[in-house]
PDB file of N, CA and C in Angstrom:
ATOM      1  N   UNK A   1     197.133 -87.121 -16.970  1.00  0.00           N
ATOM      2  CA  UNK A   1     196.676 -88.382 -16.911  1.00  0.00           C
ATOM      3  C   UNK A   1     196.037 -88.556 -15.529  1.00  0.00           C
ATOM      4  N   UNK A   2     196.746 -88.146 -14.381  1.00  0.00           N
ATOM      5  CA  UNK A   2     196.374 -88.103 -13.160  1.00  0.00           C
ATOM      6  C   UNK A   2     195.077 -87.424 -12.746  1.00  0.00           C
ATOM      7  N   UNK A   3     194.661 -86.324 -13.353  1.00  0.00           N
ATOM      8  CA  UNK A   3     193.232 -85.550 -13.368  1.00  0.00           C
ATOM      9  C   UNK A   3     192.455 -86.599 -13.581  1.00  0.00           C
ATOM     10  N   UNK A   4     192.390 -87.082 -15.057  1.00  0.00           N
ATOM     11  CA  UNK A   4     191.648 -88.122 -15.537  1.00  0.00           C
ATOM     12  C   UNK A   4     191.306 -89.154 -14.700  1.00  0.00           C
ATOM     13  N   UNK A   5     192.513 -89.832 -13.860  1.00  0.00           N
ATOM     14  CA  UNK A   5     192.225 -90.791 -13.147  1.00  0.00           C
ATOM     15  C   UNK A   5     191.211 -90.360 -11.759  1.00  0.00           C
ATOM     16  N   UNK A   6     191.429 -89.443 -11.407  1.00  0.00           N
ATOM     17  CA  UNK A   6     190.740 -88.918 -10.283  1.00  0.00           C
ATOM     18  C   UNK A   6     189.162 -88.862 -10.565  1.00  0.00           C
ATOM     19  N   UNK A   7     189.039 -88.093 -11.822  1.00  0.00           N
ATOM     20  CA  UNK A   7     187.614 -87.717 -12.656  1.00  0.00           C
ATOM     21  C   UNK A   7     187.069 -88.928 -12.429  1.00  0.00           C
ATOM     22  N   UNK A   8     187.743 -90.171 -13.032  1.00  0.00           N
ATOM     23  CA  UNK A   8     186.936 -91.491 -13.462  1.00  0.00           C
ATOM     24  C   UNK A   8     187.066 -92.242 -11.734  1.00  0.00           C
ATOM     25  N   UNK A   9     187.827 -91.903 -10.767  1.00  0.00           N
ATOM     26  CA  UNK A   9     187.380 -92.368  -9.651  1.00  0.00           C
ATOM     27  C   UNK A   9     186.210 -91.930  -8.848  1.00  0.00           C
ATOM     28  N   UNK A  10     185.852 -90.959  -9.009  1.00  0.00           N
ATOM     29  CA  UNK A  10     184.750 -89.737  -8.781  1.00  0.00           C
ATOM     30  C   UNK A  10     183.370 -90.599  -9.414  1.00  0.00           C
ATOM     31  N   UNK A  11     183.338 -90.644 -10.866  1.00  0.00           N
ATOM     32  CA  UNK A  11     182.355 -91.461 -11.697  1.00  0.00           C
ATOM     33  C   UNK A  11     182.062 -92.539 -11.136  1.00  0.00           C
ATOM     34  N   UNK A  12     183.086 -93.750 -10.799  1.00  0.00           N
ATOM     35  CA  UNK A  12     183.148 -94.688 -10.301  1.00  0.00           C
ATOM     36  C   UNK A  12     182.405 -94.694  -9.048  1.00  0.00           C
ATOM     37  N   UNK A  13     182.679 -93.611  -8.116  1.00  0.00           N
ATOM     38  CA  UNK A  13     181.948 -93.566  -6.718  1.00  0.00           C
ATOM     39  C   UNK A  13     180.515 -93.212  -7.098  1.00  0.00           C
ATOM     40  N   UNK A  14     180.132 -92.525  -7.983  1.00  0.00           N
ATOM     41  CA  UNK A  14     178.715 -92.336  -7.979  1.00  0.00           C
ATOM     42  C   UNK A  14     178.111 -93.770  -8.691  1.00  0.00           C
ATOM     43  N   UNK A  15     178.679 -94.426  -9.583  1.00  0.00           N
ATOM     44  CA  UNK A  15     177.880 -95.457  -9.948  1.00  0.00           C
ATOM     45  C   UNK A  15     178.135 -96.489  -8.495  1.00  0.00           C
ATOM     46  N   UNK A  16     179.066 -96.391  -7.606  1.00  0.00           N
ATOM     47  CA  UNK A  16     178.941 -97.164  -6.648  1.00  0.00           C
ATOM     48  C   UNK A  16     177.721 -96.843  -5.610  1.00  0.00           C
ATOM     49  N   UNK A  17     177.620 -95.399  -5.400  1.00  0.00           N
ATOM     50  CA  UNK A  17     176.498 -95.023  -4.788  1.00  0.00           C
ATOM     51  C   UNK A  17     175.230 -95.518  -5.045  1.00  0.00           C
ATOM     52  N   UNK A  18     175.148 -95.708  -6.067  1.00  0.00           N
ATOM     53  CA  UNK A  18     173.723 -96.223  -7.023  1.00  0.00           C
ATOM     54  C   UNK A  18     173.597 -97.599  -6.959  1.00  0.00           C
ATOM     55  N   UNK A  19     174.726 -98.303  -6.939  1.00  0.00           N
ATOM     56  CA  UNK A  19     174.649 -99.936  -6.471  1.00  0.00           C
ATOM     57  C   UNK A  19     174.566 -99.927  -4.979  1.00  0.00           C
ATOM     58  N   UNK A  20     174.663 -99.146  -4.305  1.00  0.00           N
ATOM     59  CA  UNK A  20     173.994 -99.437  -2.955  1.00  0.00           C
ATOM     60  C   UNK A  20     172.274 -99.311  -2.699  1.00  0.00           C
ATOM     61  N   UNK A  21     171.945 -98.495  -3.154  1.00  0.00           N
ATOM     62  CA  UNK A  21     170.518 -98.317  -3.632  1.00  0.00           C
ATOM     63  C   UNK A  21     169.815 -99.537  -4.389  1.00  0.00           C
ATOM     64  N   UNK A  22     170.363-100.045  -5.241  1.00  0.00           N
ATOM     65  CA  UNK A  22     170.256-101.137  -6.164  1.00  0.00           C
ATOM     66  C   UNK A  22     170.216-102.495  -5.136  1.00  0.00           C
ATOM     67  N   UNK A  23     171.399-102.683  -4.355  1.00  0.00           N
ATOM     68  CA  UNK A  23     171.654-103.641  -3.340  1.00  0.00           C
ATOM     69  C   UNK A  23     170.572-103.488  -2.318  1.00  0.00           C
ATOM     70  N   UNK A  24     170.260-102.384  -2.120  1.00  0.00           N
ATOM     71  CA  UNK A  24     169.140-102.194  -0.727  1.00  0.00           C
ATOM     72  C   UNK A  24     167.634-102.609  -1.727  1.00  0.00           C
ATOM     73  N   UNK A  25     167.577-102.370  -2.699  1.00  0.00           N
ATOM     74  CA  UNK A  25     166.293-102.853  -3.237  1.00  0.00           C
ATOM     75  C   UNK A  25     166.475-104.524  -3.453  1.00  0.00           C
ATOM     76  N   UNK A  26     167.396-105.019  -4.163  1.00  0.00           N
ATOM     77  CA  UNK A  26     167.470-106.471  -4.766  1.00  0.00           C
ATOM     78  C   UNK A  26     167.993-107.221  -4.001  1.00  0.00           C
ATOM     79  N   UNK A  27     168.848-107.177  -2.922  1.00  0.00           N
ATOM     80  CA  UNK A  27     169.690-108.184  -2.126  1.00  0.00           C
ATOM     81  C   UNK A  27     169.986-109.587  -3.153  1.00  0.00           C
ATOM     82  N   UNK A  28     170.679-109.238  -4.213  1.00  0.00           N
ATOM     83  CA  UNK A  28     171.256-110.099  -4.956  1.00  0.00           C
ATOM     84  C   UNK A  28     172.697-109.989  -4.986  1.00  0.00           C
ATOM     85  N   UNK A  29     173.318-111.392  -5.181  1.00  0.00           N
ATOM     86  CA  UNK A  29     174.660-111.566  -5.475  1.00  0.00           C
ATOM     87  C   UNK A  29     175.113-110.392  -6.378  1.00  0.00           C
ATOM     88  N   UNK A  30     174.552-110.490  -7.551  1.00  0.00           N
ATOM     89  CA  UNK A  30     174.927-109.784  -8.844  1.00  0.00           C
ATOM     90  C   UNK A  30     174.715-108.384  -8.235  1.00  0.00           C
ATOM     91  N   UNK A  31     174.246-107.754  -7.590  1.00  0.00           N
ATOM     92  CA  UNK A  31     174.033-106.209  -6.732  1.00  0.00           C
ATOM     93  C   UNK A  31     174.989-106.068  -6.274  1.00  0.00           C
ATOM     94  N   UNK A  32     175.531-107.049  -5.533  1.00  0.00           N
ATOM     95  CA  UNK A  32     176.473-107.099  -4.354  1.00  0.00           C
ATOM     96  C   UNK A  32     177.905-106.810  -5.180  1.00  0.00           C
ATOM     97  N   UNK A  33     178.216-107.670  -6.216  1.00  0.00           N
ATOM     98  CA  UNK A  33     179.620-107.724  -7.250  1.00  0.00           C
ATOM     99  C   UNK A  33     179.692-106.551  -7.691  1.00  0.00           C
ATOM    100  N   UNK A  34     178.214-106.009  -8.306  1.00  0.00           N
ATOM    101  CA  UNK A  34     178.364-104.515  -9.259  1.00  0.00           C
ATOM    102  C   UNK A  34     178.686-103.618  -8.146  1.00  0.00           C
ATOM    103  N   UNK A  35     178.199-103.654  -6.724  1.00  0.00           N
ATOM    104  CA  UNK A  35     178.871-102.514  -5.655  1.00  0.00           C
ATOM    105  C   UNK A  35     180.193-102.727  -5.684  1.00  0.00           C
ATOM    106  N   UNK A  36     180.850-104.064  -5.496  1.00  0.00           N
ATOM    107  CA  UNK A  36     182.162-103.978  -5.243  1.00  0.00           C
ATOM    108  C   UNK A  36     182.861-103.372  -6.288  1.00  0.00           C
ATOM    109  N   UNK A  37     182.489-103.971  -7.583  1.00  0.00           N
ATOM    110  CA  UNK A  37     183.127-103.438  -8.593  1.00  0.00           C
ATOM    111  C   UNK A  37     183.209-102.129  -8.798  1.00  0.00           C
ATOM    112  N   UNK A  38     182.586-101.501  -8.714  1.00  0.00           N
ATOM    113  CA  UNK A  38     182.349 -99.950  -8.720  1.00  0.00           C
ATOM    114  C   UNK A  38     183.141 -99.314  -7.949  1.00  0.00           C
ATOM    115  N   UNK A  39     183.019 -99.765  -6.446  1.00  0.00           N
ATOM    116  CA  UNK A  39     183.848 -98.845  -5.505  1.00  0.00           C
ATOM    117  C   UNK A  39     185.490 -99.458  -5.639  1.00  0.00           C
ATOM    118  N   UNK A  40     185.484-100.798  -5.939  1.00  0.00           N
ATOM    119  CA  UNK A  40     186.935-101.151  -6.531  1.00  0.00           C
ATOM    120  C   UNK A  40     187.667-100.350  -7.460  1.00  0.00           C
ATOM    121  N   UNK A  41     186.796 -99.989  -8.399  1.00  0.00           N
ATOM    122  CA  UNK A  41     187.518 -99.291  -9.532  1.00  0.00           C
ATOM    123  C   UNK A  41     187.451 -97.732  -9.175  1.00  0.00           C
ATOM    124  N   UNK A  42     186.813 -97.347  -8.347  1.00  0.00           N
ATOM    125  CA  UNK A  42     186.887 -96.001  -7.643  1.00  0.00           C
ATOM    126  C   UNK A  42     188.435 -95.704  -6.793  1.00  0.00           C
ATOM    127  N   UNK A  43     188.276 -97.079  -6.118  1.00  0.00           N
ATOM    128  CA  UNK A  43     189.739 -96.737  -5.204  1.00  0.00           C
ATOM    129  C   UNK A  43     191.300 -97.208  -6.259  1.00  0.00           C
ATOM    130  N   UNK A  44     191.110 -97.851  -7.124  1.00  0.00           N
ATOM    131  CA  UNK A  44     191.658 -97.913  -8.046  1.00  0.00           C
ATOM    132  C   UNK A  44     192.313 -96.609  -8.815  1.00  0.00           C
ATOM    133  N   UNK A  45     191.501 -95.984  -9.316  1.00  0.00           N
ATOM    134  CA  UNK A  45     191.745 -94.939 -10.090  1.00  0.00           C
ATOM    135  C   UNK A  45     192.099 -93.788  -8.985  1.00  0.00           C
ATOM    136  N   UNK A  46     191.627 -93.915  -7.965  1.00  0.00           N
ATOM    137  CA  UNK A  46     191.864 -92.747  -6.968  1.00  0.00           C
ATOM    138  C   UNK A  46     193.365 -92.946  -6.344  1.00  0.00           C
ATOM    139  N   UNK A  47     194.054 -94.188  -6.395  1.00  0.00           N
ATOM    140  CA  UNK A  47     195.024 -94.322  -6.024  1.00  0.00           C
ATOM    141  C   UNK A  47     196.214 -94.078  -7.387  1.00  0.00           C
ATOM    142  N   UNK A  48     195.722 -94.583  -8.525  1.00  0.00           N
ATOM    143  CA  UNK A  48     196.687 -93.561  -9.699  1.00  0.00           C
ATOM    144  C   UNK A  48     196.810 -92.285  -9.554  1.00  0.00           C
ATOM    145  N   UNK A  49     195.500 -91.501  -9.221  1.00  0.00           N
ATOM    146  CA  UNK A  49     195.684 -90.220  -9.346  1.00  0.00           C
ATOM    147  C   UNK A  49     196.814 -89.733  -8.176  1.00  0.00           C
ATOM    148  N   UNK A  50     196.628 -90.317  -7.005  1.00  0.00           N
ATOM    149  CA  UNK A  50     197.330 -90.175  -6.006  1.00  0.00           C
ATOM    150  C   UNK A  50     198.863 -90.259  -6.087  1.00  0.00           C
ATOM    151  N   UNK A  51     199.146 -90.884  -7.326  1.00  0.00           N
ATOM    152  CA  UNK A  51     200.791 -90.921  -7.655  1.00  0.00           C
ATOM    153  C   UNK A  51     201.410 -89.611  -7.841  1.00  0.00           C
ATOM    154  N   UNK A  52     200.326 -88.647  -8.410  1.00  0.00           N
ATOM    155  CA  UNK A  52     201.066 -87.400  -8.823  1.00  0.00           C
ATOM    156  C   UNK A  52     200.362 -86.503  -8.140  1.00  0.00           C
ATOM    157  N   UNK A  53     198.821 -86.681  -7.919  1.00  0.00           N
ATOM    158  CA  UNK A  53     198.121 -85.080  -7.464  1.00  0.00           C
ATOM    159  C   UNK A  53     198.629 -85.126  -5.867  1.00  0.00           C
ATOM    160  N   UNK A  54     198.482 -84.109  -5.200  1.00  0.00           N
ATOM    161  CA  UNK A  54     198.438 -83.878  -3.678  1.00  0.00           C
ATOM    162  C   UNK A  54     197.134 -84.804  -3.145  1.00  0.00           C
ATOM    163  N   UNK A  55     197.451 -85.319  -2.024  1.00  0.00           N
ATOM    164  CA  UNK A  55     196.055 -86.365  -1.516  1.00  0.00           C
ATOM    165  C   UNK A  55     195.088 -85.521  -0.995  1.00  0.00           C
ATOM    166  N   UNK A  56     195.015 -84.052  -0.642  1.00  0.00           N
ATOM    167  CA  UNK A  56     194.118 -83.311  -0.236  1.00  0.00           C
ATOM    168  C   UNK A  56     193.313 -82.807  -1.601  1.00  0.00           C
ATOM    169  N   UNK A  57     194.162 -82.603  -2.385  1.00  0.00           N
ATOM    170  CA  UNK A  57     192.996 -82.140  -3.682  1.00  0.00           C
ATOM    171  C   UNK A  57     192.507 -83.286  -4.367  1.00  0.00           C
ATOM    172  N   UNK A  58     193.280 -84.320  -4.679  1.00  0.00           N
ATOM    173  CA  UNK A  58     192.696 -85.403  -5.247  1.00  0.00           C
ATOM    174  C   UNK A  58     191.454 -86.109  -4.502  1.00  0.00           C
ATOM    175  N   UNK A  59     191.423 -86.039  -3.364  1.00  0.00           N
ATOM    176  CA  UNK A  59     190.495 -86.376  -2.074  1.00  0.00           C
ATOM    177  C   UNK A  59     189.269 -85.658  -2.233  1.00  0.00           C
ATOM    178  N   UNK A  60     189.486 -84.119  -2.306  1.00  0.00           N
ATOM    179  CA  UNK A  60     188.314 -83.334  -2.407  1.00  0.00           C
ATOM    180  C   UNK A  60     187.607 -83.332  -3.676  1.00  0.00           C
ATOM    181  N   UNK A  61     188.384 -83.635  -4.767  1.00  0.00           N
ATOM    182  CA  UNK A  61     187.860 -83.586  -5.896  1.00  0.00           C
ATOM    183  C   UNK A  61     187.008 -84.868  -6.104  1.00  0.00           C
ATOM    184  N   UNK A  62     187.676 -86.424  -5.958  1.00  0.00           N
ATOM    185  CA  UNK A  62     186.950 -87.516  -5.731  1.00  0.00           C
ATOM    186  C   UNK A  62     185.609 -87.217  -5.202  1.00  0.00           C
ATOM    187  N   UNK A  63     185.685 -86.970  -3.614  1.00  0.00           N
ATOM    188  CA  UNK A  63     184.365 -86.785  -2.997  1.00  0.00           C
ATOM    189  C   UNK A  63     183.647 -85.674  -3.308  1.00  0.00           C
ATOM    190  N   UNK A  64     184.462 -84.508  -3.997  1.00  0.00           N
ATOM    191  CA  UNK A  64     183.015 -83.602  -4.537  1.00  0.00           C
ATOM    192  C   UNK A  64     182.149 -84.379  -5.821  1.00  0.00           C
ATOM    193  N   UNK A  65     183.125 -85.014  -6.513  1.00  0.00           N
ATOM    194  CA  UNK A  65     182.156 -85.595  -7.862  1.00  0.00           C
ATOM    195  C   UNK A  65     181.481 -86.879  -7.361  1.00  0.00           C
ATOM    196  N   UNK A  66     181.756 -87.466  -6.378  1.00  0.00           N
ATOM    197  CA  UNK A  66     180.898 -88.709  -5.800  1.00  0.00           C
ATOM    198  C   UNK A  66     179.379 -87.842  -5.021  1.00  0.00           C
ATOM    199  N   UNK A  67     179.678 -86.987  -4.288  1.00  0.00           N
ATOM    200  CA  UNK A  67     178.751 -86.154  -3.432  1.00  0.00           C
ATOM    201  C   UNK A  67     177.848 -85.459  -4.398  1.00  0.00           C
ATOM    202  N   UNK A  68     178.473 -84.686  -5.229  1.00  0.00           N
ATOM    203  CA  UNK A  68     177.444 -83.837  -6.423  1.00  0.00           C
ATOM    204  C   UNK A  68     176.712 -84.974  -7.050  1.00  0.00           C
ATOM    205  N   UNK A  69     177.510 -85.777  -7.621  1.00  0.00           N
ATOM    206  CA  UNK A  69     176.886 -86.681  -8.588  1.00  0.00           C
ATOM    207  C   UNK A  69     175.678 -87.514  -8.006  1.00  0.00           C
ATOM    208  N   UNK A  70     175.937 -88.013  -6.771  1.00  0.00           N
ATOM    209  CA  UNK A  70     174.955 -88.897  -6.233  1.00  0.00           C
ATOM    210  C   UNK A  70     173.642 -88.132  -5.808  1.00  0.00           C
ATOM    211  N   UNK A  71     173.894 -86.411  -5.470  1.00  0.00           N
ATOM    212  CA  UNK A  71     172.821 -85.985  -4.954  1.00  0.00           C
ATOM    213  C   UNK A  71     172.068 -85.284  -6.462  1.00  0.00           C
ATOM    214  N   UNK A  72     172.548 -85.405  -7.475  1.00  0.00           N
ATOM    215  CA  UNK A  72     172.049 -85.204  -8.904  1.00  0.00           C
ATOM    216  C   UNK A  72     171.275 -86.289  -9.332  1.00  0.00           C
ATOM    217  N   UNK A  73     171.608 -87.372  -9.227  1.00  0.00           N
ATOM    218  CA  UNK A  73     171.121 -88.762  -9.500  1.00  0.00           C
ATOM    219  C   UNK A  73     170.005 -89.073  -8.659  1.00  0.00           C
ATOM    220  N   UNK A  74     170.263 -88.880  -7.405  1.00  0.00           N
ATOM    221  CA  UNK A  74     168.870 -88.903  -6.413  1.00  0.00           C
ATOM    222  C   UNK A  74     167.853 -88.045  -6.997  1.00  0.00           C
ATOM    223  N   UNK A  75     168.391 -86.799  -7.486  1.00  0.00           N
ATOM    224  CA  UNK A  75     167.103 -85.827  -7.657  1.00  0.00           C
ATOM    225  C   UNK A  75     166.246 -86.239  -9.178  1.00  0.00           C
ATOM    226  N   UNK A  76     167.106 -86.721 -10.038  1.00  0.00           N
ATOM    227  CA  UNK A  76     166.632 -87.165 -11.263  1.00  0.00           C
ATOM    228  C   UNK A  76     165.997 -88.184 -11.509  1.00  0.00           C
ATOM    229  N   UNK A  77     166.479 -89.354 -10.511  1.00  0.00           N
ATOM    230  CA  UNK A  77     165.991 -90.984 -10.472  1.00  0.00           C
ATOM    231  C   UNK A  77     165.319 -91.155  -9.603  1.00  0.00           C
ATOM    232  N   UNK A  78     165.242 -90.692  -8.137  1.00  0.00           N
ATOM    233  CA  UNK A  78     164.737 -91.073  -7.189  1.00  0.00           C
ATOM    234  C   UNK A  78     163.854 -90.204  -6.539  1.00  0.00           C
ATOM    235  N   UNK A  79     163.247 -89.274  -7.186  1.00  0.00           N
ATOM    236  CA  UNK A  79     162.532 -88.441  -6.642  1.00  0.00           C
ATOM    237  C   UNK A  79     163.071 -87.578  -5.588  1.00  0.00           C
ATOM    238  N   UNK A  80     164.107 -87.328  -5.499  1.00  0.00           N
ATOM    239  CA  UNK A  80     164.565 -86.550  -4.379  1.00  0.00           C
ATOM    240  C   UNK A  80     164.393 -85.122  -4.349  1.00  0.00           C
ATOM    241  N   UNK A  81     164.449 -83.950  -3.551  1.00  0.00           N
ATOM    242  CA  UNK A  81     163.987 -82.642  -3.689  1.00  0.00           C
ATOM    243  C   UNK A  81     165.045 -82.151  -4.485  1.00  0.00           C
ATOM    244  N   UNK A  82     164.152 -81.034  -5.503  1.00  0.00           N
ATOM    245  CA  UNK A  82     165.196 -80.290  -6.278  1.00  0.00           C
ATOM    246  C   UNK A  82     165.027 -78.566  -5.804  1.00  0.00           C
ATOM    247  N   UNK A  83     164.809 -78.518  -4.535  1.00  0.00           N
ATOM    248  CA  UNK A  83     164.786 -77.623  -4.159  1.00  0.00           C
ATOM    249  C   UNK A  83     165.767 -76.266  -4.243  1.00  0.00           C
ATOM    250  N   UNK A  84     165.911 -75.047  -5.040  1.00  0.00           N
ATOM    251  CA  UNK A  84     166.743 -74.273  -5.710  1.00  0.00           C
ATOM    252  C   UNK A  84     168.197 -74.193  -4.498  1.00  0.00           C
ATOM    253  N   UNK A  85     167.473 -74.245  -3.156  1.00  0.00           N
ATOM    254  CA  UNK A  85     168.990 -73.874  -2.555  1.00  0.00           C
ATOM    255  C   UNK A  85     169.912 -75.471  -2.391  1.00  0.00           C
ATOM    256  N   UNK A  86     169.110 -76.599  -2.663  1.00  0.00           N
ATOM    257  CA  UNK A  86     170.039 -77.549  -2.919  1.00  0.00           C
ATOM    258  C   UNK A  86     170.677 -77.587  -4.276  1.00  0.00           C
ATOM    259  N   UNK A  87     170.216 -77.172  -5.209  1.00  0.00           N
ATOM    260  CA  UNK A  87     171.287 -77.092  -6.261  1.00  0.00           C
ATOM    261  C   UNK A  87     172.084 -76.320  -6.278  1.00  0.00           C
ATOM    262  N   UNK A  88     171.767 -74.822  -5.589  1.00  0.00           N
ATOM    263  CA  UNK A  88     172.805 -74.025  -5.609  1.00  0.00           C
ATOM    264  C   UNK A  88     174.032 -74.618  -4.698  1.00  0.00           C
ATOM    265  N   UNK A  89     173.943 -75.124  -3.448  1.00  0.00           N
ATOM    266  CA  UNK A  89     174.816 -75.785  -2.724  1.00  0.00           C
ATOM    267  C   UNK A  89     175.637 -76.963  -3.755  1.00  0.00           C
ATOM    268  N   UNK A  90     174.791 -77.990  -4.408  1.00  0.00           N
ATOM    269  CA  UNK A  90     175.685 -78.573  -5.634  1.00  0.00           C
ATOM    270  C   UNK A  90     176.504 -78.090  -6.185  1.00  0.00           C
ATOM    271  N   UNK A  91     176.026 -77.073  -7.063  1.00  0.00           N
ATOM    272  CA  UNK A  91     176.994 -75.802  -7.847  1.00  0.00           C
ATOM    273  C   UNK A  91     178.156 -75.331  -7.218  1.00  0.00           C
ATOM    274  N   UNK A  92     177.754 -75.069  -5.700  1.00  0.00           N
ATOM    275  CA  UNK A  92     179.170 -74.836  -5.180  1.00  0.00           C
ATOM    276  C   UNK A  92     180.214 -75.758  -4.944  1.00  0.00           C
ATOM    277  N   UNK A  93     179.736 -76.873  -4.801  1.00  0.00           N
ATOM    278  CA  UNK A  93     180.656 -78.403  -4.896  1.00  0.00           C
ATOM    279  C   UNK A  93     181.366 -78.353  -6.104  1.00  0.00           C
ATOM    280  N   UNK A  94     180.611 -78.362  -7.143  1.00  0.00           N
ATOM    281  CA  UNK A  94     180.980 -78.443  -8.385  1.00  0.00           C
ATOM    282  C   UNK A  94     182.111 -77.098  -8.965  1.00  0.00           C
ATOM    283  N   UNK A  95     181.753 -75.815  -8.608  1.00  0.00           N
ATOM    284  CA  UNK A  95     182.687 -75.034  -8.700  1.00  0.00           C
ATOM    285  C   UNK A  95     183.817 -75.125  -7.966  1.00  0.00           C
ATOM    286  N   UNK A  96     184.067 -75.397  -6.592  1.00  0.00           N
ATOM    287  CA  UNK A  96     184.993 -76.004  -6.083  1.00  0.00           C
ATOM    288  C   UNK A  96     186.011 -77.042  -6.591  1.00  0.00           C
ATOM    289  N   UNK A  97     185.398 -77.741  -6.899  1.00  0.00           N
ATOM    290  CA  UNK A  97     186.201 -78.787  -8.037  1.00  0.00           C
ATOM    291  C   UNK A  97     186.956 -78.488  -8.903  1.00  0.00           C
ATOM    292  N   UNK A  98     186.105 -77.611  -9.694  1.00  0.00           N
ATOM    293  CA  UNK A  98     186.784 -76.931 -10.979  1.00  0.00           C
ATOM    294  C   UNK A  98     187.773 -75.976 -10.461  1.00  0.00           C
ATOM    295  N   UNK A  99     187.851 -75.177  -9.333  1.00  0.00           N
ATOM    296  CA  UNK A  99     188.711 -74.200  -8.840  1.00  0.00           C
ATOM    297  C   UNK A  99     189.767 -74.990  -8.606  1.00  0.00           C
ATOM    298  N   UNK A 100     189.640 -75.993  -7.883  1.00  0.00           N
ATOM    299  CA  UNK A 100     190.801 -77.060  -7.616  1.00  0.00           C
ATOM    300  C   UNK A 100     191.852 -77.334  -8.499  1.00  0.00           C
ATOM    301  N   UNK A 101     190.907 -77.670  -9.570  1.00  0.00           N
ATOM    302  CA  UNK A 101     191.849 -78.210 -11.040  1.00  0.00           C
ATOM    303  C   UNK A 101     192.422 -76.913 -11.524  1.00  0.00           C
ATOM    304  N   UNK A 102     191.842 -75.670 -11.480  1.00  0.00           N
ATOM    305  CA  UNK A 102     192.477 -74.505 -12.008  1.00  0.00           C
ATOM    306  C   UNK A 102     193.779 -74.262 -11.487  1.00  0.00           C
ATOM    307  N   UNK A 103     193.893 -74.144  -9.852  1.00  0.00           N
ATOM    308  CA  UNK A 103     194.854 -73.960  -9.298  1.00  0.00           C
ATOM    309  C   UNK A 103     196.186 -74.827  -9.206  1.00  0.00           C
ATOM    310  N   UNK A 104     195.845 -75.946  -9.289  1.00  0.00           N
ATOM    311  CA  UNK A 104     196.690 -77.144  -9.139  1.00  0.00           C
ATOM    312  C   UNK A 104     197.516 -77.260 -10.239  1.00  0.00           C
TER     313      UNK A 104
END
């Protein structure tokens, strides 16, 4: 259950990053509340995962999901570079996160 919590925390982190972009574009109270909701859920699920998992592992997985998810969504929805080297390094992050799960 702790792993599921940390994975959900990472997913909410990605939505939080998308909310930053939305708030930058719209500057509405609804956009701000959406940002606070997603980051709040992200921290809540991370805290639940930290009750069982080592802090270093949970934090690495959380940031890895957030960083790679944000980069991938930027490539697909915001026309960011899709250079093969960028994709290769994103895949390295994903493999590292999976590796942490396998050894934990």
